[in-house]
Amino acid sequence: MPSQGDALQQAHSDYQQHMQTCRQCRADTVPCAVAKHLLRLYNNARRSAARAD
């Protein structure tokens, strides 16, 4: 099972990669639904890591 730090890093990486490769996110100023979901996962992982410290 990955540690919270690994989960945080993976969530951030997934979000950044999506923002760079998604045609809709690159063309529009509004992120697509997938980007919003990935950002929500990243924020949840960040909050969880902060509570653990």
C-alpha atoms as a PDB file:
ATOM      1  CA  MET A   1       0.000   0.000   0.000  1.00  0.00           C
ATOM      2  CA  PRO A   2       1.467   3.382  -0.976  1.00  0.00           C
ATOM      3  CA  SER A   3       2.299   5.890   1.699  1.00  0.00           C
ATOM      4  CA  GLN A   4       0.431   9.199   1.952  1.00  0.00           C
ATOM      5  CA  GLY A   5       3.421  11.005   0.482  1.00  0.00           C
ATOM      6  CA  ASP A   6       3.408   8.674  -2.508  1.00  0.00           C
ATOM      7  CA  ALA A   7      -0.347   9.145  -2.962  1.00  0.00           C
ATOM      8  CA  LEU A   8       0.060  12.913  -2.804  1.00  0.00           C
ATOM      9  CA  GLN A   9       2.877  12.860  -5.354  1.00  0.00           C
ATOM     10  CA  GLN A  10       0.932  10.551  -7.679  1.00  0.00           C
ATOM     11  CA  ALA A  11      -2.231  12.676  -7.466  1.00  0.00           C
ATOM     12  CA  HIS A  12      -0.254  15.821  -8.261  1.00  0.00           C
ATOM     13  CA  SER A  13       1.518  14.116 -11.141  1.00  0.00           C
ATOM     14  CA  ASP A  14      -1.762  12.799 -12.576  1.00  0.00           C
ATOM     15  CA  TYR A  15      -3.333  16.259 -12.437  1.00  0.00           C
ATOM     16  CA  GLN A  16      -0.343  17.994 -14.029  1.00  0.00           C
ATOM     17  CA  GLN A  17      -0.068  15.388 -16.781  1.00  0.00           C
ATOM     18  CA  HIS A  18      -3.762  15.706 -17.569  1.00  0.00           C
ATOM     19  CA  MET A  19      -3.578  19.500 -17.744  1.00  0.00           C
ATOM     20  CA  GLN A  20      -0.697  19.237 -20.233  1.00  0.00           C
ATOM     21  CA  THR A  21      -2.276  16.593 -22.460  1.00  0.00           C
ATOM     22  CA  CYS A  22      -6.010  17.356 -22.382  1.00  0.00           C
ATOM     23  CA  ARG A  23      -7.087  19.192 -25.503  1.00  0.00           C
ATOM     24  CA  GLN A  24     -10.049  20.836 -23.785  1.00  0.00           C
ATOM     25  CA  CYS A  25      -8.050  22.035 -20.785  1.00  0.00           C
ATOM     26  CA  ARG A  26      -5.385  23.513 -23.021  1.00  0.00           C
ATOM     27  CA  ALA A  27      -7.858  25.279 -25.302  1.00  0.00           C
ATOM     28  CA  ASP A  28     -10.274  26.600 -22.673  1.00  0.00           C
ATOM     29  CA  THR A  29      -9.645  28.573 -19.534  1.00  0.00           C
ATOM     30  CA  VAL A  30     -12.128  26.326 -17.697  1.00  0.00           C
ATOM     31  CA  PRO A  31     -10.829  22.865 -16.741  1.00  0.00           C
ATOM     32  CA  CYS A  32     -12.807  19.842 -17.909  1.00  0.00           C
ATOM     33  CA  ALA A  33     -14.673  17.491 -15.571  1.00  0.00           C
ATOM     34  CA  VAL A  34     -11.748  15.057 -15.411  1.00  0.00           C
ATOM     35  CA  ALA A  35      -9.365  17.843 -14.404  1.00  0.00           C
ATOM     36  CA  LYS A  36     -11.765  18.933 -11.670  1.00  0.00           C
ATOM     37  CA  HIS A  37     -11.954  15.369 -10.384  1.00  0.00           C
ATOM     38  CA  LEU A  38      -8.169  14.945 -10.417  1.00  0.00           C
ATOM     39  CA  LEU A  39      -7.743  18.258  -8.607  1.00  0.00           C
ATOM     40  CA  ARG A  40     -10.263  17.126  -5.991  1.00  0.00           C
ATOM     41  CA  LEU A  41      -8.276  13.894  -5.487  1.00  0.00           C
ATOM     42  CA  TYR A  42      -5.056  15.889  -5.131  1.00  0.00           C
ATOM     43  CA  ASN A  43      -6.620  18.276  -2.610  1.00  0.00           C
ATOM     44  CA  ASN A  44      -7.989  15.363  -0.577  1.00  0.00           C
ATOM     45  CA  ALA A  45      -4.568  13.682  -0.550  1.00  0.00           C
ATOM     46  CA  ARG A  46      -2.942  16.968   0.481  1.00  0.00           C
ATOM     47  CA  ARG A  47      -5.381  17.442   3.359  1.00  0.00           C
ATOM     48  CA  SER A  48      -4.909  13.852   4.468  1.00  0.00           C
ATOM     49  CA  ALA A  49      -1.130  14.240   4.463  1.00  0.00           C
ATOM     50  CA  ALA A  50      -1.393  17.469   6.464  1.00  0.00           C
ATOM     51  CA  ARG A  51      -3.559  15.768   9.094  1.00  0.00           C
ATOM     52  CA  ALA A  52      -1.085  12.899   9.400  1.00  0.00           C
ATOM     53  CA  ASP A  53       1.766  15.316  10.185  1.00  0.00           C
END
